[in-house]
Amino acid sequence: MFPGGKKGMKDLMKQAQKMQQDLAKAQEELASKIVEGTSGGGMVKVEMNGKNQVLSLKIDPEVVDPNDIEMLEDLIIAAINEAQEKVSKSSEDEMSKLTGGMKIPGLL
């Protein structure tokens, strides 16, 4: 028998449903959150949403050198990686709030 009987099981199910609803809400909020990644002292800027989708890319014309395309490519990659790190950190922080710091496999 479950500790606390039927009432205990019912309470546990309510808590699980609330946590599931809170999790769904947090995931929606994270998906709509927009972060910015930059590189080259702000010469390259990337905006990304919580689903890791790039929304915009801005490149300062001064950083465009036809003789050094590799540098521009590296700056774009660095800006995207920074934005992805911010999304990941934001997701971890939000999930940590919901789970009380417990690491629950499959939530991230």
PDB file of N, CA and C in Angstrom:
ATOM      1  N   MET A   1       0.842  -1.196   0.000  1.00  0.00           N
ATOM      2  CA  MET A   1       0.000   0.000   0.000  1.00  0.00           C
ATOM      3  C   MET A   1       0.876   1.244   0.000  1.00  0.00           C
ATOM      4  N   PHE A   2       0.413   2.278  -0.623  1.00  0.00           N
ATOM      5  CA  PHE A   2       1.139   3.546  -0.707  1.00  0.00           C
ATOM      6  C   PHE A   2       1.099   4.258   0.646  1.00  0.00           C
ATOM      7  N   PRO A   3       2.249   4.812   1.112  1.00  0.00           N
ATOM      8  CA  PRO A   3       2.235   5.543   2.389  1.00  0.00           C
ATOM      9  C   PRO A   3       1.218   6.681   2.336  1.00  0.00           C
ATOM     10  N   GLY A   4       0.364   6.742   3.337  1.00  0.00           N
ATOM     11  CA  GLY A   4      -0.668   7.774   3.364  1.00  0.00           C
ATOM     12  C   GLY A   4      -1.950   7.329   2.689  1.00  0.00           C
ATOM     13  N   GLY A   5      -1.963   6.108   2.164  1.00  0.00           N
ATOM     14  CA  GLY A   5      -3.170   5.569   1.546  1.00  0.00           C
ATOM     15  C   GLY A   5      -3.559   6.308   0.287  1.00  0.00           C
ATOM     16  N   LYS A   6      -4.843   6.272  -0.022  1.00  0.00           N
ATOM     17  CA  LYS A   6      -5.371   6.899  -1.242  1.00  0.00           C
ATOM     18  C   LYS A   6      -5.171   8.404  -1.226  1.00  0.00           C
ATOM     19  N   LYS A   7      -5.336   9.019  -0.038  1.00  0.00           N
ATOM     20  CA  LYS A   7      -5.159  10.472   0.050  1.00  0.00           C
ATOM     21  C   LYS A   7      -3.721  10.859  -0.284  1.00  0.00           C
ATOM     22  N   GLY A   8      -2.765  10.091   0.235  1.00  0.00           N
ATOM     23  CA  GLY A   8      -1.361  10.372  -0.054  1.00  0.00           C
ATOM     24  C   GLY A   8      -1.050  10.238  -1.536  1.00  0.00           C
ATOM     25  N   MET A   9      -1.606   9.227  -2.155  1.00  0.00           N
ATOM     26  CA  MET A   9      -1.407   9.010  -3.591  1.00  0.00           C
ATOM     27  C   MET A   9      -2.051  10.144  -4.385  1.00  0.00           C
ATOM     28  N   LYS A  10      -3.243  10.562  -3.965  1.00  0.00           N
ATOM     29  CA  LYS A  10      -3.956  11.650  -4.644  1.00  0.00           C
ATOM     30  C   LYS A  10      -3.156  12.953  -4.544  1.00  0.00           C
ATOM     31  N   ASP A  11      -2.613  13.230  -3.352  1.00  0.00           N
ATOM     32  CA  ASP A  11      -1.793  14.437  -3.157  1.00  0.00           C
ATOM     33  C   ASP A  11      -0.543  14.391  -4.033  1.00  0.00           C
ATOM     34  N   LEU A  12       0.072  13.219  -4.100  1.00  0.00           N
ATOM     35  CA  LEU A  12       1.266  13.064  -4.922  1.00  0.00           C
ATOM     36  C   LEU A  12       0.946  13.303  -6.396  1.00  0.00           C
ATOM     37  N   MET A  13      -0.182  12.803  -6.855  1.00  0.00           N
ATOM     38  CA  MET A  13      -0.595  13.005  -8.247  1.00  0.00           C
ATOM     39  C   MET A  13      -0.860  14.481  -8.522  1.00  0.00           C
ATOM     40  N   LYS A  14      -1.473  15.196  -7.573  1.00  0.00           N
ATOM     41  CA  LYS A  14      -1.710  16.631  -7.738  1.00  0.00           C
ATOM     42  C   LYS A  14      -0.389  17.377  -7.857  1.00  0.00           C
ATOM     43  N   GLN A  15       0.584  17.004  -7.007  1.00  0.00           N
ATOM     44  CA  GLN A  15       1.894  17.654  -7.050  1.00  0.00           C
ATOM     45  C   GLN A  15       2.580  17.393  -8.386  1.00  0.00           C
ATOM     46  N   ALA A  16       2.468  16.164  -8.868  1.00  0.00           N
ATOM     47  CA  ALA A  16       3.082  15.816 -10.152  1.00  0.00           C
ATOM     48  C   ALA A  16       2.440  16.605 -11.297  1.00  0.00           C
ATOM     49  N   GLN A  17       1.112  16.750 -11.263  1.00  0.00           N
ATOM     50  CA  GLN A  17       0.416  17.515 -12.300  1.00  0.00           C
ATOM     51  C   GLN A  17       0.822  18.983 -12.258  1.00  0.00           C
ATOM     52  N   LYS A  18       0.937  19.531 -11.055  1.00  0.00           N
ATOM     53  CA  LYS A  18       1.341  20.937 -10.922  1.00  0.00           C
ATOM     54  C   LYS A  18       2.751  21.127 -11.458  1.00  0.00           C
ATOM     55  N   MET A  19       3.652  20.197 -11.114  1.00  0.00           N
ATOM     56  CA  MET A  19       5.027  20.302 -11.596  1.00  0.00           C
ATOM     57  C   MET A  19       5.059  20.215 -13.119  1.00  0.00           C
ATOM     58  N   GLN A  20       4.244  19.341 -13.695  1.00  0.00           N
ATOM     59  CA  GLN A  20       4.180  19.209 -15.144  1.00  0.00           C
ATOM     60  C   GLN A  20       3.674  20.504 -15.788  1.00  0.00           C
ATOM     61  N   GLN A  21       2.652  21.124 -15.182  1.00  0.00           N
ATOM     62  CA  GLN A  21       2.126  22.384 -15.703  1.00  0.00           C
ATOM     63  C   GLN A  21       3.169  23.492 -15.591  1.00  0.00           C
ATOM     64  N   ASP A  22       3.853  23.542 -14.439  1.00  0.00           N
ATOM     65  CA  ASP A  22       4.895  24.549 -14.241  1.00  0.00           C
ATOM     66  C   ASP A  22       6.026  24.357 -15.242  1.00  0.00           C
ATOM     67  N   LEU A  23       6.380  23.116 -15.500  1.00  0.00           N
ATOM     68  CA  LEU A  23       7.431  22.809 -16.454  1.00  0.00           C
ATOM     69  C   LEU A  23       7.034  23.255 -17.858  1.00  0.00           C
ATOM     70  N   ALA A  24       5.814  22.966 -18.264  1.00  0.00           N
ATOM     71  CA  ALA A  24       5.336  23.372 -19.592  1.00  0.00           C
ATOM     72  C   ALA A  24       5.355  24.894 -19.728  1.00  0.00           C
ATOM     73  N   LYS A  25       4.928  25.586 -18.682  1.00  0.00           N
ATOM     74  CA  LYS A  25       4.922  27.051 -18.706  1.00  0.00           C
ATOM     75  C   LYS A  25       6.349  27.586 -18.812  1.00  0.00           C
ATOM     76  N   ALA A  26       7.260  27.010 -18.038  1.00  0.00           N
ATOM     77  CA  ALA A  26       8.662  27.448 -18.068  1.00  0.00           C
ATOM     78  C   ALA A  26       9.268  27.220 -19.444  1.00  0.00           C
ATOM     79  N   GLN A  27       8.957  26.090 -20.070  1.00  0.00           N
ATOM     80  CA  GLN A  27       9.482  25.803 -21.396  1.00  0.00           C
ATOM     81  C   GLN A  27       8.950  26.799 -22.426  1.00  0.00           C
ATOM     82  N   GLU A  28       7.685  27.179 -22.308  1.00  0.00           N
ATOM     83  CA  GLU A  28       7.114  28.194 -23.210  1.00  0.00           C
ATOM     84  C   GLU A  28       7.822  29.530 -23.030  1.00  0.00           C
ATOM     85  N   GLU A  29       8.033  29.910 -21.760  1.00  0.00           N
ATOM     86  CA  GLU A  29       8.707  31.177 -21.480  1.00  0.00           C
ATOM     87  C   GLU A  29      10.135  31.163 -22.009  1.00  0.00           C
ATOM     88  N   LEU A  30      10.830  30.050 -21.822  1.00  0.00           N
ATOM     89  CA  LEU A  30      12.193  29.948 -22.320  1.00  0.00           C
ATOM     90  C   LEU A  30      12.236  30.025 -23.838  1.00  0.00           C
ATOM     91  N   ALA A  31      11.289  29.400 -24.496  1.00  0.00           N
ATOM     92  CA  ALA A  31      11.259  29.412 -25.967  1.00  0.00           C
ATOM     93  C   ALA A  31      11.087  30.823 -26.510  1.00  0.00           C
ATOM     94  N   SER A  32      10.370  31.666 -25.778  1.00  0.00           N
ATOM     95  CA  SER A  32      10.120  33.028 -26.261  1.00  0.00           C
ATOM     96  C   SER A  32      11.197  34.012 -25.802  1.00  0.00           C
ATOM     97  N   LYS A  33      12.083  33.580 -24.920  1.00  0.00           N
ATOM     98  CA  LYS A  33      13.150  34.455 -24.437  1.00  0.00           C
ATOM     99  C   LYS A  33      14.166  34.685 -25.547  1.00  0.00           C
ATOM    100  N   ILE A  34      14.656  35.905 -25.658  1.00  0.00           N
ATOM    101  CA  ILE A  34      15.636  36.246 -26.687  1.00  0.00           C
ATOM    102  C   ILE A  34      16.940  36.652 -26.015  1.00  0.00           C
ATOM    103  N   VAL A  35      18.032  36.051 -26.482  1.00  0.00           N
ATOM    104  CA  VAL A  35      19.360  36.385 -25.962  1.00  0.00           C
ATOM    105  C   VAL A  35      20.212  36.911 -27.106  1.00  0.00           C
ATOM    106  N   GLU A  36      21.274  37.608 -26.735  1.00  0.00           N
ATOM    107  CA  GLU A  36      22.181  38.146 -27.732  1.00  0.00           C
ATOM    108  C   GLU A  36      23.582  37.621 -27.478  1.00  0.00           C
ATOM    109  N   GLY A  37      24.229  37.197 -28.528  1.00  0.00           N
ATOM    110  CA  GLY A  37      25.633  36.820 -28.474  1.00  0.00           C
ATOM    111  C   GLY A  37      26.412  37.783 -29.343  1.00  0.00           C
ATOM    112  N   THR A  38      27.587  38.165 -28.867  1.00  0.00           N
ATOM    113  CA  THR A  38      28.402  39.100 -29.643  1.00  0.00           C
ATOM    114  C   THR A  38      29.838  38.578 -29.729  1.00  0.00           C
ATOM    115  N   SER A  39      30.564  39.104 -30.704  1.00  0.00           N
ATOM    116  CA  SER A  39      31.995  38.828 -30.816  1.00  0.00           C
ATOM    117  C   SER A  39      32.649  40.012 -31.506  1.00  0.00           C
ATOM    118  N   GLY A  40      33.969  40.023 -31.451  1.00  0.00           N
ATOM    119  CA  GLY A  40      34.701  41.111 -32.094  1.00  0.00           C
ATOM    120  C   GLY A  40      34.374  42.464 -31.506  1.00  0.00           C
ATOM    121  N   GLY A  41      34.158  42.495 -30.184  1.00  0.00           N
ATOM    122  CA  GLY A  41      33.834  43.767 -29.534  1.00  0.00           C
ATOM    123  C   GLY A  41      32.509  44.334 -29.989  1.00  0.00           C
ATOM    124  N   GLY A  42      31.584  43.464 -30.343  1.00  0.00           N
ATOM    125  CA  GLY A  42      30.258  43.906 -30.775  1.00  0.00           C
ATOM    126  C   GLY A  42      30.134  44.089 -32.274  1.00  0.00           C
ATOM    127  N   MET A  43      31.184  43.728 -33.009  1.00  0.00           N
ATOM    128  CA  MET A  43      31.145  43.878 -34.466  1.00  0.00           C
ATOM    129  C   MET A  43      30.193  42.863 -35.105  1.00  0.00           C
ATOM    130  N   VAL A  44      30.006  41.712 -34.438  1.00  0.00           N
ATOM    131  CA  VAL A  44      29.066  40.694 -34.901  1.00  0.00           C
ATOM    132  C   VAL A  44      28.095  40.421 -33.766  1.00  0.00           C
ATOM    133  N   LYS A  45      26.793  40.517 -34.066  1.00  0.00           N
ATOM    134  CA  LYS A  45      25.755  40.290 -33.058  1.00  0.00           C
ATOM    135  C   LYS A  45      24.751  39.274 -33.581  1.00  0.00           C
ATOM    136  N   VAL A  46      24.378  38.353 -32.703  1.00  0.00           N
ATOM    137  CA  VAL A  46      23.402  37.326 -33.047  1.00  0.00           C
ATOM    138  C   VAL A  46      22.300  37.366 -32.009  1.00  0.00           C
ATOM    139  N   GLU A  47      21.052  37.371 -32.441  1.00  0.00           N
ATOM    140  CA  GLU A  47      19.916  37.205 -31.538  1.00  0.00           C
ATOM    141  C   GLU A  47      19.365  35.811 -31.748  1.00  0.00           C
ATOM    142  N   MET A  48      19.090  35.129 -30.612  1.00  0.00           N
ATOM    143  CA  MET A  48      18.625  33.753 -30.664  1.00  0.00           C
ATOM    144  C   MET A  48      17.508  33.589 -29.651  1.00  0.00           C
ATOM    145  N   ASN A  49      16.536  32.735 -29.997  1.00  0.00           N
ATOM    146  CA  ASN A  49      15.467  32.463 -29.030  1.00  0.00           C
ATOM    147  C   ASN A  49      15.828  31.239 -28.189  1.00  0.00           C
ATOM    148  N   GLY A  50      14.960  30.923 -27.246  1.00  0.00           N
ATOM    149  CA  GLY A  50      15.205  29.817 -26.333  1.00  0.00           C
ATOM    150  C   GLY A  50      15.178  28.449 -26.977  1.00  0.00           C
ATOM    151  N   LYS A  51      14.833  28.386 -28.242  1.00  0.00           N
ATOM    152  CA  LYS A  51      14.862  27.120 -28.987  1.00  0.00           C
ATOM    153  C   LYS A  51      16.153  27.005 -29.799  1.00  0.00           C
ATOM    154  N   ASN A  52      17.102  27.890 -29.517  1.00  0.00           N
ATOM    155  CA  ASN A  52      18.384  27.941 -30.232  1.00  0.00           C
ATOM    156  C   ASN A  52      18.220  28.256 -31.712  1.00  0.00           C
ATOM    157  N   GLN A  53      17.171  29.001 -32.042  1.00  0.00           N
ATOM    158  CA  GLN A  53      16.980  29.432 -33.422  1.00  0.00           C
ATOM    159  C   GLN A  53      17.532  30.844 -33.573  1.00  0.00           C
ATOM    160  N   VAL A  54      18.389  31.049 -34.569  1.00  0.00           N
ATOM    161  CA  VAL A  54      18.948  32.369 -34.828  1.00  0.00           C
ATOM    162  C   VAL A  54      17.846  33.234 -35.426  1.00  0.00           C
ATOM    163  N   LEU A  55      17.578  34.378 -34.777  1.00  0.00           N
ATOM    164  CA  LEU A  55      16.534  35.291 -35.234  1.00  0.00           C
ATOM    165  C   LEU A  55      17.099  36.417 -36.084  1.00  0.00           C
ATOM    166  N   SER A  56      18.304  36.864 -35.718  1.00  0.00           N
ATOM    167  CA  SER A  56      18.928  37.920 -36.518  1.00  0.00           C
ATOM    168  C   SER A  56      20.440  37.845 -36.397  1.00  0.00           C
ATOM    169  N   LEU A  57      21.089  38.371 -37.404  1.00  0.00           N
ATOM    170  CA  LEU A  57      22.544  38.428 -37.458  1.00  0.00           C
ATOM    171  C   LEU A  57      22.922  39.803 -37.990  1.00  0.00           C
ATOM    172  N   LYS A  58      23.717  40.550 -37.224  1.00  0.00           N
ATOM    173  CA  LYS A  58      24.162  41.882 -37.637  1.00  0.00           C
ATOM    174  C   LYS A  58      25.684  41.862 -37.726  1.00  0.00           C
ATOM    175  N   ILE A  59      26.195  42.350 -38.836  1.00  0.00           N
ATOM    176  CA  ILE A  59      27.641  42.401 -39.045  1.00  0.00           C
ATOM    177  C   ILE A  59      28.021  43.836 -39.379  1.00  0.00           C
ATOM    178  N   ASP A  60      28.912  44.406 -38.581  1.00  0.00           N
ATOM    179  CA  ASP A  60      29.411  45.753 -38.834  1.00  0.00           C
ATOM    180  C   ASP A  60      30.248  45.712 -40.129  1.00  0.00           C
ATOM    181  N   PRO A  61      29.976  46.596 -41.063  1.00  0.00           N
ATOM    182  CA  PRO A  61      30.712  46.586 -42.342  1.00  0.00           C
ATOM    183  C   PRO A  61      32.227  46.677 -42.174  1.00  0.00           C
ATOM    184  N   GLU A  62      32.684  47.288 -41.090  1.00  0.00           N
ATOM    185  CA  GLU A  62      34.127  47.423 -40.873  1.00  0.00           C
ATOM    186  C   GLU A  62      34.831  46.079 -40.717  1.00  0.00           C
ATOM    187  N   VAL A  63      34.096  45.060 -40.275  1.00  0.00           N
ATOM    188  CA  VAL A  63      34.714  43.759 -40.037  1.00  0.00           C
ATOM    189  C   VAL A  63      34.734  42.896 -41.299  1.00  0.00           C
ATOM    190  N   VAL A  64      34.111  43.379 -42.363  1.00  0.00           N
ATOM    191  CA  VAL A  64      34.072  42.609 -43.612  1.00  0.00           C
ATOM    192  C   VAL A  64      35.319  42.946 -44.440  1.00  0.00           C
ATOM    193  N   ASP A  65      36.198  41.957 -44.510  1.00  0.00           N
ATOM    194  CA  ASP A  65      37.428  42.097 -45.281  1.00  0.00           C
ATOM    195  C   ASP A  65      37.468  40.942 -46.278  1.00  0.00           C
ATOM    196  N   PRO A  66      37.308  41.238 -47.567  1.00  0.00           N
ATOM    197  CA  PRO A  66      37.282  40.162 -48.564  1.00  0.00           C
ATOM    198  C   PRO A  66      38.556  39.307 -48.556  1.00  0.00           C
ATOM    199  N   ASN A  67      39.628  39.846 -48.019  1.00  0.00           N
ATOM    200  CA  ASN A  67      40.888  39.101 -47.959  1.00  0.00           C
ATOM    201  C   ASN A  67      41.004  38.247 -46.700  1.00  0.00           C
ATOM    202  N   ASP A  68      40.020  38.377 -45.799  1.00  0.00           N
ATOM    203  CA  ASP A  68      40.085  37.607 -44.549  1.00  0.00           C
ATOM    204  C   ASP A  68      38.689  37.102 -44.172  1.00  0.00           C
ATOM    205  N   ILE A  69      38.109  36.317 -45.024  1.00  0.00           N
ATOM    206  CA  ILE A  69      36.781  35.754 -44.795  1.00  0.00           C
ATOM    207  C   ILE A  69      36.798  34.819 -43.580  1.00  0.00           C
ATOM    208  N   GLU A  70      37.920  34.132 -43.349  1.00  0.00           N
ATOM    209  CA  GLU A  70      38.012  33.204 -42.211  1.00  0.00           C
ATOM    210  C   GLU A  70      37.762  33.914 -40.882  1.00  0.00           C
ATOM    211  N   MET A  71      38.294  35.129 -40.739  1.00  0.00           N
ATOM    212  CA  MET A  71      38.084  35.872 -39.496  1.00  0.00           C
ATOM    213  C   MET A  71      36.594  36.163 -39.300  1.00  0.00           C
ATOM    214  N   LEU A  72      35.920  36.580 -40.348  1.00  0.00           N
ATOM    215  CA  LEU A  72      34.493  36.870 -40.259  1.00  0.00           C
ATOM    216  C   LEU A  72      33.719  35.603 -39.894  1.00  0.00           C
ATOM    217  N   GLU A  73      34.057  34.497 -40.515  1.00  0.00           N
ATOM    218  CA  GLU A  73      33.408  33.227 -40.194  1.00  0.00           C
ATOM    219  C   GLU A  73      33.615  32.876 -38.715  1.00  0.00           C
ATOM    220  N   ASP A  74      34.835  33.062 -38.227  1.00  0.00           N
ATOM    221  CA  ASP A  74      35.138  32.776 -36.813  1.00  0.00           C
ATOM    222  C   ASP A  74      34.339  33.677 -35.881  1.00  0.00           C
ATOM    223  N   LEU A  75      34.188  34.947 -36.241  1.00  0.00           N
ATOM    224  CA  LEU A  75      33.421  35.883 -35.414  1.00  0.00           C
ATOM    225  C   LEU A  75      31.942  35.487 -35.369  1.00  0.00           C
ATOM    226  N   ILE A  76      31.414  35.053 -36.495  1.00  0.00           N
ATOM    227  CA  ILE A  76      30.012  34.619 -36.543  1.00  0.00           C
ATOM    228  C   ILE A  76      29.817  33.377 -35.673  1.00  0.00           C
ATOM    229  N   ILE A  77      30.716  32.423 -35.802  1.00  0.00           N
ATOM    230  CA  ILE A  77      30.637  31.206 -34.985  1.00  0.00           C
ATOM    231  C   ILE A  77      30.730  31.548 -33.507  1.00  0.00           C
ATOM    232  N   ALA A  78      31.645  32.435 -33.140  1.00  0.00           N
ATOM    233  CA  ALA A  78      31.813  32.816 -31.734  1.00  0.00           C
ATOM    234  C   ALA A  78      30.553  33.483 -31.184  1.00  0.00           C
ATOM    235  N   ALA A  79      29.928  34.343 -31.971  1.00  0.00           N
ATOM    236  CA  ALA A  79      28.705  35.023 -31.523  1.00  0.00           C
ATOM    237  C   ALA A  79      27.566  34.017 -31.342  1.00  0.00           C
ATOM    238  N   ILE A  80      27.438  33.079 -32.265  1.00  0.00           N
ATOM    239  CA  ILE A  80      26.395  32.059 -32.148  1.00  0.00           C
ATOM    240  C   ILE A  80      26.641  31.186 -30.926  1.00  0.00           C
ATOM    241  N   ASN A  81      27.881  30.780 -30.722  1.00  0.00           N
ATOM    242  CA  ASN A  81      28.202  29.944 -29.563  1.00  0.00           C
ATOM    243  C   ASN A  81      27.916  30.666 -28.248  1.00  0.00           C
ATOM    244  N   GLU A  82      28.220  31.957 -28.188  1.00  0.00           N
ATOM    245  CA  GLU A  82      27.932  32.721 -26.974  1.00  0.00           C
ATOM    246  C   GLU A  82      26.424  32.765 -26.715  1.00  0.00           C
ATOM    247  N   ALA A  83      25.644  32.998 -27.762  1.00  0.00           N
ATOM    248  CA  ALA A  83      24.187  33.038 -27.605  1.00  0.00           C
ATOM    249  C   ALA A  83      23.664  31.678 -27.143  1.00  0.00           C
ATOM    250  N   GLN A  84      24.193  30.593 -27.713  1.00  0.00           N
ATOM    251  CA  GLN A  84      23.756  29.256 -27.305  1.00  0.00           C
ATOM    252  C   GLN A  84      24.095  28.984 -25.838  1.00  0.00           C
ATOM    253  N   GLU A  85      25.248  29.429 -25.394  1.00  0.00           N
ATOM    254  CA  GLU A  85      25.629  29.264 -23.991  1.00  0.00           C
ATOM    255  C   GLU A  85      24.653  30.014 -23.079  1.00  0.00           C
ATOM    256  N   LYS A  86      24.239  31.199 -23.498  1.00  0.00           N
ATOM    257  CA  LYS A  86      23.285  31.979 -22.706  1.00  0.00           C
ATOM    258  C   LYS A  86      21.928  31.280 -22.640  1.00  0.00           C
ATOM    259  N   VAL A  87      21.482  30.705 -23.750  1.00  0.00           N
ATOM    260  CA  VAL A  87      20.215  29.965 -23.766  1.00  0.00           C
ATOM    261  C   VAL A  87      20.312  28.768 -22.823  1.00  0.00           C
ATOM    262  N   SER A  88      21.415  28.046 -22.911  1.00  0.00           N
ATOM    263  CA  SER A  88      21.605  26.859 -22.072  1.00  0.00           C
ATOM    264  C   SER A  88      21.625  27.229 -20.590  1.00  0.00           C
ATOM    265  N   LYS A  89      22.333  28.288 -20.244  1.00  0.00           N
ATOM    266  CA  LYS A  89      22.418  28.737 -18.847  1.00  0.00           C
ATOM    267  C   LYS A  89      21.046  29.162 -18.348  1.00  0.00           C
ATOM    268  N   SER A  90      20.307  29.883 -19.175  1.00  0.00           N
ATOM    269  CA  SER A  90      18.968  30.331 -18.810  1.00  0.00           C
ATOM    270  C   SER A  90      18.054  29.136 -18.570  1.00  0.00           C
ATOM    271  N   SER A  91      18.152  28.125 -19.431  1.00  0.00           N
ATOM    272  CA  SER A  91      17.341  26.912 -19.282  1.00  0.00           C
ATOM    273  C   SER A  91      17.692  26.181 -17.993  1.00  0.00           C
ATOM    274  N   GLU A  92      18.978  26.040 -17.731  1.00  0.00           N
ATOM    275  CA  GLU A  92      19.423  25.367 -16.506  1.00  0.00           C
ATOM    276  C   GLU A  92      18.918  26.104 -15.264  1.00  0.00           C
ATOM    277  N   ASP A  93      19.025  27.421 -15.281  1.00  0.00           N
ATOM    278  CA  ASP A  93      18.580  28.217 -14.132  1.00  0.00           C
ATOM    279  C   ASP A  93      17.085  28.051 -13.894  1.00  0.00           C
ATOM    280  N   GLU A  94      16.311  28.088 -14.967  1.00  0.00           N
ATOM    281  CA  GLU A  94      14.852  27.982 -14.842  1.00  0.00           C
ATOM    282  C   GLU A  94      14.446  26.599 -14.346  1.00  0.00           C
ATOM    283  N   MET A  95      15.057  25.561 -14.906  1.00  0.00           N
ATOM    284  CA  MET A  95      14.731  24.201 -14.486  1.00  0.00           C
ATOM    285  C   MET A  95      15.159  23.952 -13.042  1.00  0.00           C
ATOM    286  N   SER A  96      16.261  24.554 -12.644  1.00  0.00           N
ATOM    287  CA  SER A  96      16.745  24.410 -11.270  1.00  0.00           C
ATOM    288  C   SER A  96      15.736  24.996 -10.283  1.00  0.00           C
ATOM    289  N   LYS A  97      15.106  26.102 -10.674  1.00  0.00           N
ATOM    290  CA  LYS A  97      14.067  26.702  -9.826  1.00  0.00           C
ATOM    291  C   LYS A  97      12.900  25.739  -9.644  1.00  0.00           C
ATOM    292  N   LEU A  98      12.517  25.072 -10.725  1.00  0.00           N
ATOM    293  CA  LEU A  98      11.364  24.173 -10.680  1.00  0.00           C
ATOM    294  C   LEU A  98      11.651  22.887  -9.919  1.00  0.00           C
ATOM    295  N   THR A  99      12.883  22.401 -10.028  1.00  0.00           N
ATOM    296  CA  THR A  99      13.206  21.109  -9.439  1.00  0.00           C
ATOM    297  C   THR A  99      13.913  21.228  -8.090  1.00  0.00           C
ATOM    298  N   GLY A 100      14.074  22.449  -7.622  1.00  0.00           N
ATOM    299  CA  GLY A 100      14.769  22.637  -6.351  1.00  0.00           C
ATOM    300  C   GLY A 100      16.228  22.260  -6.422  1.00  0.00           C
ATOM    301  N   GLY A 101      16.821  22.334  -7.615  1.00  0.00           N
ATOM    302  CA  GLY A 101      18.222  22.034  -7.792  1.00  0.00           C
ATOM    303  C   GLY A 101      18.515  20.577  -8.114  1.00  0.00           C
ATOM    304  N   MET A 102      17.488  19.732  -8.064  1.00  0.00           N
ATOM    305  CA  MET A 102      17.700  18.315  -8.392  1.00  0.00           C
ATOM    306  C   MET A 102      17.904  18.165  -9.894  1.00  0.00           C
ATOM    307  N   LYS A 103      18.827  17.313 -10.296  1.00  0.00           N
ATOM    308  CA  LYS A 103      19.039  17.014 -11.697  1.00  0.00           C
ATOM    309  C   LYS A 103      18.116  15.874 -12.084  1.00  0.00           C
ATOM    310  N   ILE A 104      17.126  16.169 -12.922  1.00  0.00           N
ATOM    311  CA  ILE A 104      16.170  15.160 -13.355  1.00  0.00           C
ATOM    312  C   ILE A 104      16.442  14.861 -14.820  1.00  0.00           C
ATOM    313  N   PRO A 105      16.863  13.625 -15.127  1.00  0.00           N
ATOM    314  CA  PRO A 105      17.192  13.284 -16.523  1.00  0.00           C
ATOM    315  C   PRO A 105      15.991  13.543 -17.441  1.00  0.00           C
ATOM    316  N   GLY A 106      16.317  14.097 -18.615  1.00  0.00           N
ATOM    317  CA  GLY A 106      15.293  14.312 -19.627  1.00  0.00           C
ATOM    318  C   GLY A 106      14.608  15.671 -19.573  1.00  0.00           C
ATOM    319  N   LEU A 107      14.895  16.493 -18.551  1.00  0.00           N
ATOM    320  CA  LEU A 107      14.238  17.800 -18.471  1.00  0.00           C
ATOM    321  C   LEU A 107      14.944  18.845 -19.331  1.00  0.00           C
ATOM    322  N   LEU A 108      16.206  18.648 -19.617  1.00  0.00           N
ATOM    323  CA  LEU A 108      16.921  19.617 -20.448  1.00  0.00           C
ATOM    324  C   LEU A 108      17.399  18.992 -21.714  1.00  0.00           C
TER     325      LEU A 108
END
